[in-house]
Amino acid sequence: MYQCSKYNNKLNVSSSKIRELRIKNHLSLSALSIKLALIGIDIAKPSLHKLETGKRVLKDYELYGLSYVFKVPIEELLDDFITELKSEDVV
């Protein structure tokens, strides 16, 4: 069985930022799921919850869809990860 590697014990690096932006935009998990569905990205409410808790891999097209719905650059969804790498002198 294929096992995904984790970063800081999570399957994606955007989990906390997704939750933060969802709350900032006053969206429930259901409302966010509907907004994503309207642009052709099917992520059910339970899967969104798993994304926000780092228990699900975030696909590249889902990352773009989230940046589109939240009206932020993709880099903002990756900001915490990028900042951490820079602080560790990795990049």
PDB file of N, CA and C in Angstrom:
ATOM      1  N   MET A   1       0.838  -1.178   0.000  1.00  0.00           N
ATOM      2  CA  MET A   1       0.000   0.000   0.000  1.00  0.00           C
ATOM      3  C   MET A   1       0.885   1.244   0.000  1.00  0.00           C
ATOM      4  N   TYR A   2       0.545   2.217  -0.842  1.00  0.00           N
ATOM      5  CA  TYR A   2       1.289   3.465  -0.927  1.00  0.00           C
ATOM      6  C   TYR A   2       0.994   4.328   0.296  1.00  0.00           C
ATOM      7  N   GLN A   3       2.034   4.865   0.894  1.00  0.00           N
ATOM      8  CA  GLN A   3       1.832   5.743   2.044  1.00  0.00           C
ATOM      9  C   GLN A   3       2.468   7.093   1.750  1.00  0.00           C
ATOM     10  N   CYS A   4       1.683   8.139   1.892  1.00  0.00           N
ATOM     11  CA  CYS A   4       2.179   9.493   1.673  1.00  0.00           C
ATOM     12  C   CYS A   4       3.049   9.905   2.844  1.00  0.00           C
ATOM     13  N   SER A   5       4.095  10.653   2.534  1.00  0.00           N
ATOM     14  CA  SER A   5       4.911  11.169   3.617  1.00  0.00           C
ATOM     15  C   SER A   5       4.235  12.392   4.222  1.00  0.00           C
ATOM     16  N   LYS A   6       4.579  12.676   5.435  1.00  0.00           N
ATOM     17  CA  LYS A   6       3.974  13.792   6.152  1.00  0.00           C
ATOM     18  C   LYS A   6       5.029  14.860   6.420  1.00  0.00           C
ATOM     19  N   TYR A   7       4.565  16.088   6.552  1.00  0.00           N
ATOM     20  CA  TYR A   7       5.411  17.203   6.943  1.00  0.00           C
ATOM     21  C   TYR A   7       4.813  17.746   8.235  1.00  0.00           C
ATOM     22  N   ASN A   8       5.597  17.734   9.288  1.00  0.00           N
ATOM     23  CA  ASN A   8       5.093  18.137  10.609  1.00  0.00           C
ATOM     24  C   ASN A   8       3.828  17.367  10.989  1.00  0.00           C
ATOM     25  N   ASN A   9       3.838  16.091  10.653  1.00  0.00           N
ATOM     26  CA  ASN A   9       2.749  15.165  10.987  1.00  0.00           C
ATOM     27  C   ASN A   9       1.425  15.497  10.294  1.00  0.00           C
ATOM     28  N   LYS A  10       1.484  16.208   9.170  1.00  0.00           N
ATOM     29  CA  LYS A  10       0.279  16.524   8.398  1.00  0.00           C
ATOM     30  C   LYS A  10       0.496  16.122   6.940  1.00  0.00           C
ATOM     31  N   LEU A  11      -0.604  15.832   6.249  1.00  0.00           N
ATOM     32  CA  LEU A  11      -0.536  15.432   4.846  1.00  0.00           C
ATOM     33  C   LEU A  11      -0.555  16.618   3.891  1.00  0.00           C
ATOM     34  N   ASN A  12      -0.760  17.832   4.394  1.00  0.00           N
ATOM     35  CA  ASN A  12      -0.651  19.030   3.559  1.00  0.00           C
ATOM     36  C   ASN A  12      -0.142  20.182   4.413  1.00  0.00           C
ATOM     37  N   VAL A  13       0.449  21.167   3.771  1.00  0.00           N
ATOM     38  CA  VAL A  13       1.057  22.283   4.504  1.00  0.00           C
ATOM     39  C   VAL A  13       0.142  23.499   4.589  1.00  0.00           C
ATOM     40  N   SER A  14      -1.054  23.408   4.035  1.00  0.00           N
ATOM     41  CA  SER A  14      -1.964  24.550   3.977  1.00  0.00           C
ATOM     42  C   SER A  14      -3.158  24.426   4.911  1.00  0.00           C
ATOM     43  N   SER A  15      -3.198  23.393   5.714  1.00  0.00           N
ATOM     44  CA  SER A  15      -4.390  23.103   6.517  1.00  0.00           C
ATOM     45  C   SER A  15      -4.842  24.281   7.378  1.00  0.00           C
ATOM     46  N   SER A  16      -3.948  24.852   8.150  1.00  0.00           N
ATOM     47  CA  SER A  16      -4.363  25.931   9.052  1.00  0.00           C
ATOM     48  C   SER A  16      -4.754  27.195   8.289  1.00  0.00           C
ATOM     49  N   LYS A  17      -4.094  27.442   7.169  1.00  0.00           N
ATOM     50  CA  LYS A  17      -4.413  28.631   6.360  1.00  0.00           C
ATOM     51  C   LYS A  17      -5.780  28.482   5.702  1.00  0.00           C
ATOM     52  N   ILE A  18      -6.129  27.280   5.274  1.00  0.00           N
ATOM     53  CA  ILE A  18      -7.444  27.043   4.672  1.00  0.00           C
ATOM     54  C   ILE A  18      -8.532  27.337   5.701  1.00  0.00           C
ATOM     55  N   ARG A  19      -8.361  26.813   6.892  1.00  0.00           N
ATOM     56  CA  ARG A  19      -9.348  27.050   7.957  1.00  0.00           C
ATOM     57  C   ARG A  19      -9.438  28.542   8.286  1.00  0.00           C
ATOM     58  N   GLU A  20      -8.284  29.169   8.420  1.00  0.00           N
ATOM     59  CA  GLU A  20      -8.245  30.601   8.738  1.00  0.00           C
ATOM     60  C   GLU A  20      -8.996  31.427   7.688  1.00  0.00           C
ATOM     61  N   LEU A  21      -8.749  31.154   6.417  1.00  0.00           N
ATOM     62  CA  LEU A  21      -9.407  31.898   5.340  1.00  0.00           C
ATOM     63  C   LEU A  21     -10.898  31.587   5.265  1.00  0.00           C
ATOM     64  N   ARG A  22     -11.264  30.339   5.524  1.00  0.00           N
ATOM     65  CA  ARG A  22     -12.690  29.974   5.516  1.00  0.00           C
ATOM     66  C   ARG A  22     -13.436  30.753   6.588  1.00  0.00           C
ATOM     67  N   ILE A  23     -12.865  30.788   7.775  1.00  0.00           N
ATOM     68  CA  ILE A  23     -13.504  31.509   8.880  1.00  0.00           C
ATOM     69  C   ILE A  23     -13.515  33.012   8.613  1.00  0.00           C
ATOM     70  N   LYS A  24     -12.413  33.532   8.122  1.00  0.00           N
ATOM     71  CA  LYS A  24     -12.321  34.968   7.803  1.00  0.00           C
ATOM     72  C   LYS A  24     -13.384  35.374   6.784  1.00  0.00           C
ATOM     73  N   ASN A  25     -13.701  34.469   5.858  1.00  0.00           N
ATOM     74  CA  ASN A  25     -14.693  34.736   4.823  1.00  0.00           C
ATOM     75  C   ASN A  25     -16.104  34.316   5.234  1.00  0.00           C
ATOM     76  N   HIS A  26     -16.266  33.967   6.509  1.00  0.00           N
ATOM     77  CA  HIS A  26     -17.579  33.598   7.064  1.00  0.00           C
ATOM     78  C   HIS A  26     -18.244  32.469   6.266  1.00  0.00           C
ATOM     79  N   LEU A  27     -17.459  31.441   5.948  1.00  0.00           N
ATOM     80  CA  LEU A  27     -17.979  30.297   5.200  1.00  0.00           C
ATOM     81  C   LEU A  27     -18.008  29.052   6.081  1.00  0.00           C
ATOM     82  N   SER A  28     -19.089  28.321   6.010  1.00  0.00           N
ATOM     83  CA  SER A  28     -19.136  27.006   6.644  1.00  0.00           C
ATOM     84  C   SER A  28     -18.420  26.025   5.711  1.00  0.00           C
ATOM     85  N   LEU A  29     -18.174  24.831   6.206  1.00  0.00           N
ATOM     86  CA  LEU A  29     -17.584  23.811   5.340  1.00  0.00           C
ATOM     87  C   LEU A  29     -18.505  23.523   4.158  1.00  0.00           C
ATOM     88  N   SER A  30     -19.803  23.485   4.413  1.00  0.00           N
ATOM     89  CA  SER A  30     -20.781  23.230   3.347  1.00  0.00           C
ATOM     90  C   SER A  30     -20.761  24.342   2.305  1.00  0.00           C
ATOM     91  N   ALA A  31     -20.711  25.587   2.752  1.00  0.00           N
ATOM     92  CA  ALA A  31     -20.696  26.724   1.821  1.00  0.00           C
ATOM     93  C   ALA A  31     -19.432  26.715   0.978  1.00  0.00           C
ATOM     94  N   LEU A  32     -18.293  26.391   1.593  1.00  0.00           N
ATOM     95  CA  LEU A  32     -17.042  26.319   0.834  1.00  0.00           C
ATOM     96  C   LEU A  32     -17.111  25.190  -0.184  1.00  0.00           C
ATOM     97  N   SER A  33     -17.670  24.061   0.205  1.00  0.00           N
ATOM     98  CA  SER A  33     -17.826  22.930  -0.709  1.00  0.00           C
ATOM     99  C   SER A  33     -18.667  23.326  -1.923  1.00  0.00           C
ATOM    100  N   ILE A  34     -19.727  24.074  -1.686  1.00  0.00           N
ATOM    101  CA  ILE A  34     -20.604  24.522  -2.776  1.00  0.00           C
ATOM    102  C   ILE A  34     -19.870  25.487  -3.691  1.00  0.00           C
ATOM    103  N   LYS A  35     -19.128  26.440  -3.122  1.00  0.00           N
ATOM    104  CA  LYS A  35     -18.380  27.399  -3.945  1.00  0.00           C
ATOM    105  C   LYS A  35     -17.355  26.678  -4.827  1.00  0.00           C
ATOM    106  N   LEU A  36     -16.693  25.691  -4.274  1.00  0.00           N
ATOM    107  CA  LEU A  36     -15.732  24.915  -5.058  1.00  0.00           C
ATOM    108  C   LEU A  36     -16.438  24.113  -6.148  1.00  0.00           C
ATOM    109  N   ALA A  37     -17.588  23.536  -5.828  1.00  0.00           N
ATOM    110  CA  ALA A  37     -18.349  22.760  -6.814  1.00  0.00           C
ATOM    111  C   ALA A  37     -18.765  23.634  -7.997  1.00  0.00           C
ATOM    112  N   LEU A  38     -19.074  24.899  -7.727  1.00  0.00           N
ATOM    113  CA  LEU A  38     -19.484  25.812  -8.802  1.00  0.00           C
ATOM    114  C   LEU A  38     -18.368  26.064  -9.814  1.00  0.00           C
ATOM    115  N   ILE A  39     -17.110  25.844  -9.422  1.00  0.00           N
ATOM    116  CA  ILE A  39     -16.011  25.993 -10.382  1.00  0.00           C
ATOM    117  C   ILE A  39     -15.457  24.626 -10.809  1.00  0.00           C
ATOM    118  N   GLY A  40     -16.208  23.566 -10.489  1.00  0.00           N
ATOM    119  CA  GLY A  40     -15.860  22.232 -10.979  1.00  0.00           C
ATOM    120  C   GLY A  40     -14.936  21.428 -10.094  1.00  0.00           C
ATOM    121  N   ILE A  41     -14.772  21.846  -8.845  1.00  0.00           N
ATOM    122  CA  ILE A  41     -13.898  21.111  -7.925  1.00  0.00           C
ATOM    123  C   ILE A  41     -14.773  20.490  -6.839  1.00  0.00           C
ATOM    124  N   ASP A  42     -14.812  19.170  -6.841  1.00  0.00           N
ATOM    125  CA  ASP A  42     -15.691  18.433  -5.940  1.00  0.00           C
ATOM    126  C   ASP A  42     -14.934  18.007  -4.686  1.00  0.00           C
ATOM    127  N   ILE A  43     -15.139  18.746  -3.606  1.00  0.00           N
ATOM    128  CA  ILE A  43     -14.583  18.367  -2.300  1.00  0.00           C
ATOM    129  C   ILE A  43     -15.746  18.404  -1.310  1.00  0.00           C
ATOM    130  N   ALA A  44     -16.135  17.245  -0.851  1.00  0.00           N
ATOM    131  CA  ALA A  44     -17.251  17.142   0.092  1.00  0.00           C
ATOM    132  C   ALA A  44     -16.860  17.725   1.445  1.00  0.00           C
ATOM    133  N   LYS A  45     -17.867  18.085   2.213  1.00  0.00           N
ATOM    134  CA  LYS A  45     -17.675  18.681   3.539  1.00  0.00           C
ATOM    135  C   LYS A  45     -16.725  17.847   4.417  1.00  0.00           C
ATOM    136  N   PRO A  46     -16.893  16.519   4.518  1.00  0.00           N
ATOM    137  CA  PRO A  46     -15.961  15.740   5.349  1.00  0.00           C
ATOM    138  C   PRO A  46     -14.513  15.798   4.841  1.00  0.00           C
ATOM    139  N   SER A  47     -14.351  15.862   3.530  1.00  0.00           N
ATOM    140  CA  SER A  47     -13.008  15.958   2.968  1.00  0.00           C
ATOM    141  C   SER A  47     -12.378  17.319   3.240  1.00  0.00           C
ATOM    142  N   LEU A  48     -13.197  18.370   3.229  1.00  0.00           N
ATOM    143  CA  LEU A  48     -12.690  19.698   3.589  1.00  0.00           C
ATOM    144  C   LEU A  48     -12.230  19.712   5.033  1.00  0.00           C
ATOM    145  N   HIS A  49     -12.996  19.058   5.899  1.00  0.00           N
ATOM    146  CA  HIS A  49     -12.598  18.970   7.308  1.00  0.00           C
ATOM    147  C   HIS A  49     -11.246  18.257   7.429  1.00  0.00           C
ATOM    148  N   LYS A  50     -11.071  17.183   6.679  1.00  0.00           N
ATOM    149  CA  LYS A  50      -9.798  16.455   6.705  1.00  0.00           C
ATOM    150  C   LYS A  50      -8.661  17.328   6.174  1.00  0.00           C
ATOM    151  N   LEU A  51      -8.944  18.142   5.146  1.00  0.00           N
ATOM    152  CA  LEU A  51      -7.925  19.070   4.647  1.00  0.00           C
ATOM    153  C   LEU A  51      -7.501  20.040   5.739  1.00  0.00           C
ATOM    154  N   GLU A  52      -8.477  20.599   6.439  1.00  0.00           N
ATOM    155  CA  GLU A  52      -8.197  21.590   7.476  1.00  0.00           C
ATOM    156  C   GLU A  52      -7.466  21.009   8.684  1.00  0.00           C
ATOM    157  N   THR A  53      -7.595  19.727   8.885  1.00  0.00           N
ATOM    158  CA  THR A  53      -6.914  19.095  10.019  1.00  0.00           C
ATOM    159  C   THR A  53      -5.633  18.380   9.583  1.00  0.00           C
ATOM    160  N   GLY A  54      -5.290  18.493   8.308  1.00  0.00           N
ATOM    161  CA  GLY A  54      -4.049  17.896   7.815  1.00  0.00           C
ATOM    162  C   GLY A  54      -4.113  16.398   7.635  1.00  0.00           C
ATOM    163  N   LYS A  55      -5.318  15.847   7.558  1.00  0.00           N
ATOM    164  CA  LYS A  55      -5.480  14.396   7.430  1.00  0.00           C
ATOM    165  C   LYS A  55      -5.789  13.967   6.001  1.00  0.00           C
ATOM    166  N   ARG A  56      -5.637  14.900   5.067  1.00  0.00           N
ATOM    167  CA  ARG A  56      -5.896  14.598   3.650  1.00  0.00           C
ATOM    168  C   ARG A  56      -4.916  15.372   2.795  1.00  0.00           C
ATOM    169  N   VAL A  57      -4.461  14.726   1.728  1.00  0.00           N
ATOM    170  CA  VAL A  57      -3.558  15.370   0.772  1.00  0.00           C
ATOM    171  C   VAL A  57      -4.336  16.420  -0.014  1.00  0.00           C
ATOM    172  N   LEU A  58      -3.704  17.561  -0.246  1.00  0.00           N
ATOM    173  CA  LEU A  58      -4.298  18.638  -1.042  1.00  0.00           C
ATOM    174  C   LEU A  58      -3.739  18.542  -2.454  1.00  0.00           C
ATOM    175  N   LYS A  59      -4.619  18.329  -3.414  1.00  0.00           N
ATOM    176  CA  LYS A  59      -4.198  18.213  -4.808  1.00  0.00           C
ATOM    177  C   LYS A  59      -3.929  19.596  -5.387  1.00  0.00           C
ATOM    178  N   ASP A  60      -3.078  19.646  -6.404  1.00  0.00           N
ATOM    179  CA  ASP A  60      -2.686  20.940  -6.972  1.00  0.00           C
ATOM    180  C   ASP A  60      -3.874  21.728  -7.521  1.00  0.00           C
ATOM    181  N   TYR A  61      -4.807  21.074  -8.176  1.00  0.00           N
ATOM    182  CA  TYR A  61      -5.960  21.796  -8.720  1.00  0.00           C
ATOM    183  C   TYR A  61      -6.890  22.267  -7.600  1.00  0.00           C
ATOM    184  N   GLU A  62      -6.906  21.540  -6.477  1.00  0.00           N
ATOM    185  CA  GLU A  62      -7.694  21.978  -5.323  1.00  0.00           C
ATOM    186  C   GLU A  62      -7.056  23.217  -4.689  1.00  0.00           C
ATOM    187  N   LEU A  63      -5.735  23.241  -4.643  1.00  0.00           N
ATOM    188  CA  LEU A  63      -5.016  24.407  -4.129  1.00  0.00           C
ATOM    189  C   LEU A  63      -5.365  25.639  -4.950  1.00  0.00           C
ATOM    190  N   TYR A  64      -5.358  25.478  -6.279  1.00  0.00           N
ATOM    191  CA  TYR A  64      -5.728  26.605  -7.138  1.00  0.00           C
ATOM    192  C   TYR A  64      -7.183  27.014  -6.902  1.00  0.00           C
ATOM    193  N   GLY A  65      -8.075  26.049  -6.804  1.00  0.00           N
ATOM    194  CA  GLY A  65      -9.487  26.342  -6.571  1.00  0.00           C
ATOM    195  C   GLY A  65      -9.714  27.092  -5.277  1.00  0.00           C
ATOM    196  N   LEU A  66      -9.014  26.702  -4.232  1.00  0.00           N
ATOM    197  CA  LEU A  66      -9.137  27.394  -2.956  1.00  0.00           C
ATOM    198  C   LEU A  66      -8.617  28.826  -3.065  1.00  0.00           C
ATOM    199  N   SER A  67      -7.500  29.007  -3.759  1.00  0.00           N
ATOM    200  CA  SER A  67      -6.972  30.372  -3.922  1.00  0.00           C
ATOM    201  C   SER A  67      -7.949  31.219  -4.727  1.00  0.00           C
ATOM    202  N   TYR A  68      -8.621  30.613  -5.695  1.00  0.00           N
ATOM    203  CA  TYR A  68      -9.609  31.327  -6.515  1.00  0.00           C
ATOM    204  C   TYR A  68     -10.830  31.720  -5.683  1.00  0.00           C
ATOM    205  N   VAL A  69     -11.350  30.791  -4.909  1.00  0.00           N
ATOM    206  CA  VAL A  69     -12.532  31.052  -4.082  1.00  0.00           C
ATOM    207  C   VAL A  69     -12.231  32.105  -3.021  1.00  0.00           C
ATOM    208  N   PHE A  70     -11.063  32.009  -2.394  1.00  0.00           N
ATOM    209  CA  PHE A  70     -10.701  32.957  -1.343  1.00  0.00           C
ATOM    210  C   PHE A  70     -10.138  34.273  -1.895  1.00  0.00           C
ATOM    211  N   LYS A  71      -9.899  34.300  -3.215  1.00  0.00           N
ATOM    212  CA  LYS A  71      -9.344  35.488  -3.879  1.00  0.00           C
ATOM    213  C   LYS A  71      -8.000  35.905  -3.281  1.00  0.00           C
ATOM    214  N   VAL A  72      -7.122  34.902  -3.119  1.00  0.00           N
ATOM    215  CA  VAL A  72      -5.761  35.138  -2.635  1.00  0.00           C
ATOM    216  C   VAL A  72      -4.792  34.400  -3.554  1.00  0.00           C
ATOM    217  N   PRO A  73      -3.546  34.870  -3.629  1.00  0.00           N
ATOM    218  CA  PRO A  73      -2.565  34.117  -4.419  1.00  0.00           C
ATOM    219  C   PRO A  73      -2.267  32.763  -3.773  1.00  0.00           C
ATOM    220  N   ILE A  74      -1.893  31.808  -4.565  1.00  0.00           N
ATOM    221  CA  ILE A  74      -1.554  30.472  -4.058  1.00  0.00           C
ATOM    222  C   ILE A  74      -0.486  30.573  -2.975  1.00  0.00           C
ATOM    223  N   GLU A  75       0.440  31.487  -3.141  1.00  0.00           N
ATOM    224  CA  GLU A  75       1.509  31.657  -2.158  1.00  0.00           C
ATOM    225  C   GLU A  75       0.975  31.940  -0.759  1.00  0.00           C
ATOM    226  N   GLU A  76      -0.169  32.589  -0.669  1.00  0.00           N
ATOM    227  CA  GLU A  76      -0.742  32.861   0.657  1.00  0.00           C
ATOM    228  C   GLU A  76      -1.172  31.573   1.347  1.00  0.00           C
ATOM    229  N   LEU A  77      -1.638  30.614   0.589  1.00  0.00           N
ATOM    230  CA  LEU A  77      -2.011  29.325   1.170  1.00  0.00           C
ATOM    231  C   LEU A  77      -0.782  28.532   1.613  1.00  0.00           C
ATOM    232  N   LEU A  78       0.365  28.855   1.033  1.00  0.00           N
ATOM    233  CA  LEU A  78       1.613  28.167   1.371  1.00  0.00           C
ATOM    234  C   LEU A  78       2.510  29.002   2.277  1.00  0.00           C
ATOM    235  N   ASP A  79       2.037  30.169   2.684  1.00  0.00           N
ATOM    236  CA  ASP A  79       2.852  31.149   3.395  1.00  0.00           C
ATOM    237  C   ASP A  79       3.532  30.606   4.653  1.00  0.00           C
ATOM    238  N   ASP A  80       2.802  29.914   5.503  1.00  0.00           N
ATOM    239  CA  ASP A  80       3.398  29.386   6.743  1.00  0.00           C
ATOM    240  C   ASP A  80       4.538  28.425   6.432  1.00  0.00           C
ATOM    241  N   PHE A  81       4.341  27.569   5.438  1.00  0.00           N
ATOM    242  CA  PHE A  81       5.356  26.603   5.028  1.00  0.00           C
ATOM    243  C   PHE A  81       6.595  27.310   4.480  1.00  0.00           C
ATOM    244  N   ILE A  82       6.384  28.292   3.607  1.00  0.00           N
ATOM    245  CA  ILE A  82       7.500  29.032   3.015  1.00  0.00           C
ATOM    246  C   ILE A  82       8.280  29.780   4.093  1.00  0.00           C
ATOM    247  N   THR A  83       7.570  30.421   5.005  1.00  0.00           N
ATOM    248  CA  THR A  83       8.210  31.146   6.106  1.00  0.00           C
ATOM    249  C   THR A  83       9.056  30.207   6.960  1.00  0.00           C
ATOM    250  N   GLU A  84       8.529  29.027   7.232  1.00  0.00           N
ATOM    251  CA  GLU A  84       9.266  28.048   8.031  1.00  0.00           C
ATOM    252  C   GLU A  84      10.535  27.598   7.311  1.00  0.00           C
ATOM    253  N   LEU A  85      10.437  27.351   6.018  1.00  0.00           N
ATOM    254  CA  LEU A  85      11.628  26.949   5.264  1.00  0.00           C
ATOM    255  C   LEU A  85      12.680  28.062   5.254  1.00  0.00           C
ATOM    256  N   LYS A  86      12.228  29.288   5.095  1.00  0.00           N
ATOM    257  CA  LYS A  86      13.170  30.417   5.086  1.00  0.00           C
ATOM    258  C   LYS A  86      13.824  30.590   6.451  1.00  0.00           C
ATOM    259  N   SER A  87      13.066  30.389   7.526  1.00  0.00           N
ATOM    260  CA  SER A  87      13.646  30.537   8.871  1.00  0.00           C
ATOM    261  C   SER A  87      14.679  29.450   9.179  1.00  0.00           C
ATOM    262  N   GLU A  88      14.549  28.325   8.519  1.00  0.00           N
ATOM    263  CA  GLU A  88      15.500  27.232   8.704  1.00  0.00           C
ATOM    264  C   GLU A  88      16.629  27.283   7.684  1.00  0.00           C
ATOM    265  N   ASP A  89      16.670  28.343   6.902  1.00  0.00           N
ATOM    266  CA  ASP A  89      17.692  28.537   5.863  1.00  0.00           C
ATOM    267  C   ASP A  89      17.715  27.419   4.824  1.00  0.00           C
ATOM    268  N   VAL A  90      16.538  26.850   4.549  1.00  0.00           N
ATOM    269  CA  VAL A  90      16.424  25.810   3.524  1.00  0.00           C
ATOM    270  C   VAL A  90      16.331  26.458   2.149  1.00  0.00           C
ATOM    271  N   VAL A  91      15.633  27.599   2.078  1.00  0.00           N
ATOM    272  CA  VAL A  91      15.518  28.317   0.796  1.00  0.00           C
ATOM    273  C   VAL A  91      16.036  29.731   0.937  1.00  0.00           C
TER     274      VAL A  91
END
